PDB file of all heavy atoms in Angstrom:
ATOM      1  N   GLY A   1      38.269  -3.876  21.392  1.00  0.00           N
ATOM      2  CA  GLY A   1      38.996  -5.176  21.353  1.00  0.00           C
ATOM      3  C   GLY A   1      38.720  -6.091  22.552  1.00  0.00           C
ATOM      4  O   GLY A   1      37.589  -6.045  23.136  1.00  0.00           O
ATOM      5  N   ASP A   2      39.615  -6.883  22.891  1.00  0.00           N
ATOM      6  CA  ASP A   2      39.495  -7.859  23.967  1.00  0.00           C
ATOM      7  C   ASP A   2      39.580  -7.182  25.382  1.00  0.00           C
ATOM      8  O   ASP A   2      40.066  -6.123  25.475  1.00  0.00           O
ATOM      9  CB  ASP A   2      40.602  -8.925  23.843  1.00  0.00           C
ATOM     10  CG  ASP A   2      40.404  -9.760  22.538  1.00  0.00           C
ATOM     11  OD1 ASP A   2      39.249  -9.902  22.146  1.00  0.00           O
ATOM     12  OD2 ASP A   2      41.299 -10.300  22.041  1.00  0.00           O
ATOM     13  N   ILE A   3      39.203  -8.034  26.329  1.00  0.00           N
ATOM     14  CA  ILE A   3      39.335  -7.591  27.664  1.00  0.00           C
ATOM     15  C   ILE A   3      40.402  -8.528  28.424  1.00  0.00           C
ATOM     16  O   ILE A   3      40.356  -9.802  28.232  1.00  0.00           O
ATOM     17  CB  ILE A   3      38.011  -7.745  28.523  1.00  0.00           C
ATOM     18  CG1 ILE A   3      36.973  -6.829  27.868  1.00  0.00           C
ATOM     19  CG2 ILE A   3      38.248  -7.388  29.950  1.00  0.00           C
ATOM     20  CD1 ILE A   3      35.597  -7.007  28.449  1.00  0.00           C
ATOM     21  N   TYR A   4      41.386  -7.896  29.004  1.00  0.00           N
ATOM     22  CA  TYR A   4      42.481  -8.613  29.633  1.00  0.00           C
ATOM     23  C   TYR A   4      42.273  -8.487  31.268  1.00  0.00           C
ATOM     24  O   TYR A   4      42.041  -7.404  31.735  1.00  0.00           O
ATOM     25  CB  TYR A   4      43.713  -8.079  29.248  1.00  0.00           C
ATOM     26  CG  TYR A   4      44.971  -8.582  30.119  1.00  0.00           C
ATOM     27  CD1 TYR A   4      45.256  -9.917  30.263  1.00  0.00           C
ATOM     28  CD2 TYR A   4      45.670  -7.591  30.856  1.00  0.00           C
ATOM     29  CE1 TYR A   4      46.355 -10.345  31.073  1.00  0.00           C
ATOM     30  CE2 TYR A   4      46.806  -8.066  31.593  1.00  0.00           C
ATOM     31  CZ  TYR A   4      47.136  -9.388  31.665  1.00  0.00           C
ATOM     32  OH  TYR A   4      48.131  -9.795  32.536  1.00  0.00           O
ATOM     33  N   ILE A   5      42.269  -9.709  31.903  1.00  0.00           N
ATOM     34  CA  ILE A   5      42.110  -9.616  33.376  1.00  0.00           C
ATOM     35  C   ILE A   5      43.376 -10.204  34.036  1.00  0.00           C
ATOM     36  O   ILE A   5      43.678 -11.360  33.904  1.00  0.00           O
ATOM     37  CB  ILE A   5      40.923 -10.574  33.770  1.00  0.00           C
ATOM     38  CG1 ILE A   5      39.687 -10.000  33.070  1.00  0.00           C
ATOM     39  CG2 ILE A   5      40.809 -10.534  35.372  1.00  0.00           C
ATOM     40  CD1 ILE A   5      38.434 -10.902  33.443  1.00  0.00           C
ATOM     41  N   PRO A   6      44.202  -9.243  34.539  1.00  0.00           N
ATOM     42  CA  PRO A   6      45.588  -9.723  35.126  1.00  0.00           C
ATOM     43  C   PRO A   6      45.341 -10.471  36.391  1.00  0.00           C
ATOM     44  O   PRO A   6      44.325 -10.273  37.207  1.00  0.00           O
ATOM     45  CB  PRO A   6      46.318  -8.442  35.277  1.00  0.00           C
ATOM     46  CG  PRO A   6      45.193  -7.460  35.609  1.00  0.00           C
ATOM     47  CD  PRO A   6      44.057  -7.833  34.692  1.00  0.00           C
ATOM     48  N   LYS A   7      46.210 -11.349  36.698  1.00  0.00           N
ATOM     49  CA  LYS A   7      46.322 -12.072  37.915  1.00  0.00           C
ATOM     50  C   LYS A   7      46.948 -11.199  38.993  1.00  0.00           C
ATOM     51  O   LYS A   7      47.893 -10.561  38.780  1.00  0.00           O
ATOM     52  CB  LYS A   7      47.180 -13.320  37.767  1.00  0.00           C
ATOM     53  CG  LYS A   7      47.124 -14.257  39.017  1.00  0.00           C
ATOM     54  CD  LYS A   7      47.964 -15.495  38.856  1.00  0.00           C
ATOM     55  CE  LYS A   7      48.029 -16.448  40.088  1.00  0.00           C
ATOM     56  NZ  LYS A   7      48.818 -17.634  39.849  1.00  0.00           N
ATOM     57  N   LEU A   8      46.324 -11.168  40.240  1.00  0.00           N
ATOM     58  CA  LEU A   8      46.626 -10.146  41.183  1.00  0.00           C
ATOM     59  C   LEU A   8      47.312 -10.962  42.427  1.00  0.00           C
ATOM     60  O   LEU A   8      46.943 -12.139  42.709  1.00  0.00           O
ATOM     61  CB  LEU A   8      45.512  -9.409  41.641  1.00  0.00           C
ATOM     62  CG  LEU A   8      44.697  -8.681  40.604  1.00  0.00           C
ATOM     63  CD1 LEU A   8      43.476  -7.938  41.273  1.00  0.00           C
ATOM     64  CD2 LEU A   8      45.465  -7.758  39.803  1.00  0.00           C
ATOM     65  N   GLU A   9      48.266 -10.234  43.115  1.00  0.00           N
ATOM     66  CA  GLU A   9      48.711 -10.720  44.321  1.00  0.00           C
ATOM     67  C   GLU A   9      47.620 -10.799  45.368  1.00  0.00           C
ATOM     68  O   GLU A   9      46.744 -10.023  45.408  1.00  0.00           O
ATOM     69  CB  GLU A   9      49.822  -9.759  44.910  1.00  0.00           C
ATOM     70  CG  GLU A   9      51.141  -9.803  44.309  1.00  0.00           C
ATOM     71  CD  GLU A   9      52.119  -8.869  45.127  1.00  0.00           C
ATOM     72  OE1 GLU A   9      51.760  -8.442  46.112  1.00  0.00           O
ATOM     73  OE2 GLU A   9      53.188  -8.561  44.493  1.00  0.00           O
ATOM     74  N   LYS A  10      47.610 -11.848  46.212  1.00  0.00           N
ATOM     75  CA  LYS A  10      46.503 -12.023  47.158  1.00  0.00           C
ATOM     76  C   LYS A  10      46.968 -11.795  48.615  1.00  0.00           C
ATOM     77  O   LYS A  10      46.280 -12.076  49.505  1.00  0.00           O
ATOM     78  CB  LYS A  10      45.935 -13.429  47.081  1.00  0.00           C
ATOM     79  CG  LYS A  10      45.279 -13.644  45.815  1.00  0.00           C
ATOM     80  CD  LYS A  10      44.610 -14.966  45.639  1.00  0.00           C
ATOM     81  CE  LYS A  10      43.768 -15.106  44.340  1.00  0.00           C
ATOM     82  NZ  LYS A  10      43.026 -16.494  44.234  1.00  0.00           N
ATOM     83  N   THR A  11      48.201 -11.149  48.815  1.00  0.00           N
ATOM     84  CA  THR A  11      48.647 -10.794  50.112  1.00  0.00           C
ATOM     85  C   THR A  11      47.908  -9.675  50.711  1.00  0.00           C
ATOM     86  O   THR A  11      47.392  -8.679  49.963  1.00  0.00           O
ATOM     87  CB  THR A  11      50.169 -10.517  50.112  1.00  0.00           C
ATOM     88  OG1 THR A  11      50.403  -9.479  49.153  1.00  0.00           O
ATOM     89  CG2 THR A  11      50.901 -11.789  49.773  1.00  0.00           C
ATOM     90  N   GLU A  12      47.736  -9.497  52.095  1.00  0.00           N
ATOM     91  CA  GLU A  12      47.009  -8.434  52.656  1.00  0.00           C
ATOM     92  C   GLU A  12      47.824  -7.150  52.446  1.00  0.00           C
ATOM     93  O   GLU A  12      48.983  -7.124  52.739  1.00  0.00           O
ATOM     94  CB  GLU A  12      46.863  -8.681  54.084  1.00  0.00           C
ATOM     95  CG  GLU A  12      45.923  -7.678  54.865  1.00  0.00           C
ATOM     96  CD  GLU A  12      45.801  -7.944  56.318  1.00  0.00           C
ATOM     97  OE1 GLU A  12      46.290  -9.041  56.762  1.00  0.00           O
ATOM     98  OE2 GLU A  12      45.175  -7.154  57.010  1.00  0.00           O
ATOM     99  N   ALA A  13      47.092  -6.151  52.035  1.00  0.00           N
ATOM    100  CA  ALA A  13      47.713  -4.821  51.744  1.00  0.00           C
ATOM    101  C   ALA A  13      48.372  -4.286  52.986  1.00  0.00           C
ATOM    102  O   ALA A  13      49.483  -3.776  52.978  1.00  0.00           O
ATOM    103  CB  ALA A  13      46.735  -3.774  51.205  1.00  0.00           C
ATOM    104  N   LEU A  14      47.728  -4.386  54.168  1.00  0.00           N
ATOM    105  CA  LEU A  14      48.276  -3.884  55.444  1.00  0.00           C
ATOM    106  C   LEU A  14      49.537  -4.548  55.836  1.00  0.00           C
ATOM    107  O   LEU A  14      50.398  -3.929  56.369  1.00  0.00           O
ATOM    108  CB  LEU A  14      47.224  -3.838  56.525  1.00  0.00           C
ATOM    109  CG  LEU A  14      47.647  -3.131  57.804  1.00  0.00           C
ATOM    110  CD1 LEU A  14      47.952  -1.735  57.507  1.00  0.00           C
ATOM    111  CD2 LEU A  14      46.459  -3.288  58.871  1.00  0.00           C
ATOM    112  N   ALA A  15      49.698  -5.853  55.437  1.00  0.00           N
ATOM    113  CA  ALA A  15      51.001  -6.496  55.711  1.00  0.00           C
ATOM    114  C   ALA A  15      52.094  -5.836  54.900  1.00  0.00           C
ATOM    115  O   ALA A  15      53.181  -5.765  55.301  1.00  0.00           O
ATOM    116  CB  ALA A  15      50.825  -7.974  55.362  1.00  0.00           C
ATOM    117  N   GLY A  16      51.791  -5.387  53.663  1.00  0.00           N
ATOM    118  CA  GLY A  16      52.725  -4.658  52.836  1.00  0.00           C
ATOM    119  C   GLY A  16      53.075  -3.334  53.468  1.00  0.00           C
ATOM    120  O   GLY A  16      54.253  -2.938  53.437  1.00  0.00           O
ATOM    121  N   VAL A  17      52.135  -2.693  54.037  1.00  0.00           N
ATOM    122  CA  VAL A  17      52.419  -1.310  54.706  1.00  0.00           C
ATOM    123  C   VAL A  17      53.349  -1.520  55.929  1.00  0.00           C
ATOM    124  O   VAL A  17      54.345  -0.783  56.035  1.00  0.00           O
ATOM    125  CB  VAL A  17      51.071  -0.673  55.219  1.00  0.00           C
ATOM    126  CG1 VAL A  17      51.409   0.561  56.097  1.00  0.00           C
ATOM    127  CG2 VAL A  17      50.169  -0.388  54.116  1.00  0.00           C
ATOM    128  N   VAL A  18      53.031  -2.631  56.698  1.00  0.00           N
ATOM    129  CA  VAL A  18      53.924  -2.870  57.909  1.00  0.00           C
ATOM    130  C   VAL A  18      55.249  -3.247  57.461  1.00  0.00           C
ATOM    131  O   VAL A  18      56.341  -2.853  58.067  1.00  0.00           O
ATOM    132  CB  VAL A  18      53.271  -3.991  58.756  1.00  0.00           C
ATOM    133  CG1 VAL A  18      54.240  -4.445  59.754  1.00  0.00           C
ATOM    134  CG2 VAL A  18      51.907  -3.394  59.335  1.00  0.00           C
ATOM    135  N   GLU A  19      55.400  -4.066  56.441  1.00  0.00           N
ATOM    136  CA  GLU A  19      56.765  -4.544  55.970  1.00  0.00           C
ATOM    137  C   GLU A  19      57.542  -3.295  55.470  1.00  0.00           C
ATOM    138  O   GLU A  19      58.716  -3.191  55.646  1.00  0.00           O
ATOM    139  CB  GLU A  19      56.488  -5.516  54.740  1.00  0.00           C
ATOM    140  CG  GLU A  19      57.740  -5.762  53.865  1.00  0.00           C
ATOM    141  CD  GLU A  19      58.765  -6.712  54.576  1.00  0.00           C
ATOM    142  OE1 GLU A  19      58.409  -7.251  55.552  1.00  0.00           O
ATOM    143  OE2 GLU A  19      59.812  -6.874  54.048  1.00  0.00           O
ATOM    144  N   ASP A  20      56.855  -2.449  54.714  1.00  0.00           N
ATOM    145  CA  ASP A  20      57.551  -1.248  54.189  1.00  0.00           C
ATOM    146  C   ASP A  20      58.018  -0.324  55.330  1.00  0.00           C
ATOM    147  O   ASP A  20      59.105   0.185  55.327  1.00  0.00           O
ATOM    148  CB  ASP A  20      56.446  -0.397  53.353  1.00  0.00           C
ATOM    149  CG  ASP A  20      57.166   0.452  52.312  1.00  0.00           C
ATOM    150  OD1 ASP A  20      58.352   0.149  51.975  1.00  0.00           O
ATOM    151  OD2 ASP A  20      56.567   1.292  51.781  1.00  0.00           O
ATOM    152  N   PHE A  21      57.179  -0.206  56.355  1.00  0.00           N
ATOM    153  CA  PHE A  21      57.589   0.507  57.624  1.00  0.00           C
ATOM    154  C   PHE A  21      58.770  -0.043  58.265  1.00  0.00           C
ATOM    155  O   PHE A  21      59.759   0.744  58.558  1.00  0.00           O
ATOM    156  CB  PHE A  21      56.349   0.642  58.491  1.00  0.00           C
ATOM    157  CG  PHE A  21      56.544   1.509  59.742  1.00  0.00           C
ATOM    158  CD1 PHE A  21      57.001   2.853  59.602  1.00  0.00           C
ATOM    159  CD2 PHE A  21      56.393   1.039  60.983  1.00  0.00           C
ATOM    160  CE1 PHE A  21      57.168   3.629  60.746  1.00  0.00           C
ATOM    161  CE2 PHE A  21      56.572   1.748  62.140  1.00  0.00           C
ATOM    162  CZ  PHE A  21      56.978   3.105  62.026  1.00  0.00           C
ATOM    163  N   VAL A  22      58.691  -1.315  58.462  1.00  0.00           N
ATOM    164  CA  VAL A  22      59.838  -2.008  59.155  1.00  0.00           C
ATOM    165  C   VAL A  22      61.069  -1.919  58.395  1.00  0.00           C
ATOM    166  O   VAL A  22      62.146  -1.582  58.922  1.00  0.00           O
ATOM    167  CB  VAL A  22      59.454  -3.467  59.449  1.00  0.00           C
ATOM    168  CG1 VAL A  22      60.678  -4.250  60.061  1.00  0.00           C
ATOM    169  CG2 VAL A  22      58.286  -3.606  60.365  1.00  0.00           C
ATOM    170  N   MET A  23      61.013  -2.042  57.109  1.00  0.00           N
ATOM    171  CA  MET A  23      62.285  -1.930  56.265  1.00  0.00           C
ATOM    172  C   MET A  23      62.785  -0.622  56.222  1.00  0.00           C
ATOM    173  O   MET A  23      64.027  -0.374  56.236  1.00  0.00           O
ATOM    174  CB  MET A  23      61.973  -2.478  54.812  1.00  0.00           C
ATOM    175  CG  MET A  23      61.661  -3.948  54.633  1.00  0.00           C
ATOM    176  SD  MET A  23      63.171  -4.965  55.269  1.00  0.00           S
ATOM    177  CE  MET A  23      62.471  -5.492  56.821  1.00  0.00           C
ATOM    178  N   ALA A  24      61.892   0.404  56.288  1.00  0.00           N
ATOM    179  CA  ALA A  24      62.320   1.813  56.333  1.00  0.00           C
ATOM    180  C   ALA A  24      63.129   2.119  57.604  1.00  0.00           C
ATOM    181  O   ALA A  24      64.112   2.784  57.676  1.00  0.00           O
ATOM    182  CB  ALA A  24      61.181   2.709  56.144  1.00  0.00           C
ATOM    183  N   VAL A  25      62.549   1.591  58.711  1.00  0.00           N
ATOM    184  CA  VAL A  25      63.163   1.822  60.034  1.00  0.00           C
ATOM    185  C   VAL A  25      64.560   1.061  60.094  1.00  0.00           C
ATOM    186  O   VAL A  25      65.497   1.579  60.573  1.00  0.00           O
ATOM    187  CB  VAL A  25      62.165   1.486  61.181  1.00  0.00           C
ATOM    188  CG1 VAL A  25      62.923   1.522  62.539  1.00  0.00           C
ATOM    189  CG2 VAL A  25      60.981   2.377  61.092  1.00  0.00           C
ATOM    190  N   THR A  26      64.405  -0.214  59.889  1.00  0.00           N
ATOM    191  CA  THR A  26      65.546  -1.026  60.108  1.00  0.00           C
ATOM    192  C   THR A  26      66.638  -1.169  59.002  1.00  0.00           C
ATOM    193  O   THR A  26      67.820  -1.371  59.294  1.00  0.00           O
ATOM    194  CB  THR A  26      65.086  -2.535  60.422  1.00  0.00           C
ATOM    195  OG1 THR A  26      64.486  -2.992  59.208  1.00  0.00           O
ATOM    196  CG2 THR A  26      64.105  -2.584  61.605  1.00  0.00           C
ATOM    197  N   LYS A  27      66.249  -0.897  57.862  1.00  0.00           N
ATOM    198  CA  LYS A  27      67.204  -0.951  56.677  1.00  0.00           C
ATOM    199  C   LYS A  27      67.466   0.345  56.028  1.00  0.00           C
ATOM    200  O   LYS A  27      68.323   0.461  55.092  1.00  0.00           O
ATOM    201  CB  LYS A  27      66.725  -2.025  55.737  1.00  0.00           C
ATOM    202  CG  LYS A  27      66.383  -3.335  56.224  1.00  0.00           C
ATOM    203  CD  LYS A  27      67.694  -4.083  56.669  1.00  0.00           C
ATOM    204  CE  LYS A  27      67.338  -5.513  57.142  1.00  0.00           C
ATOM    205  NZ  LYS A  27      68.517  -6.234  57.596  1.00  0.00           N
TER     206      LYS A  27
END
């Protein structure tokens, strides 16, 4: 059938890691 190409987030992955770490520590 067809091919679907989803739109992706363009934020830096490592920024997500750091955010996750900070939220785990502080919250």
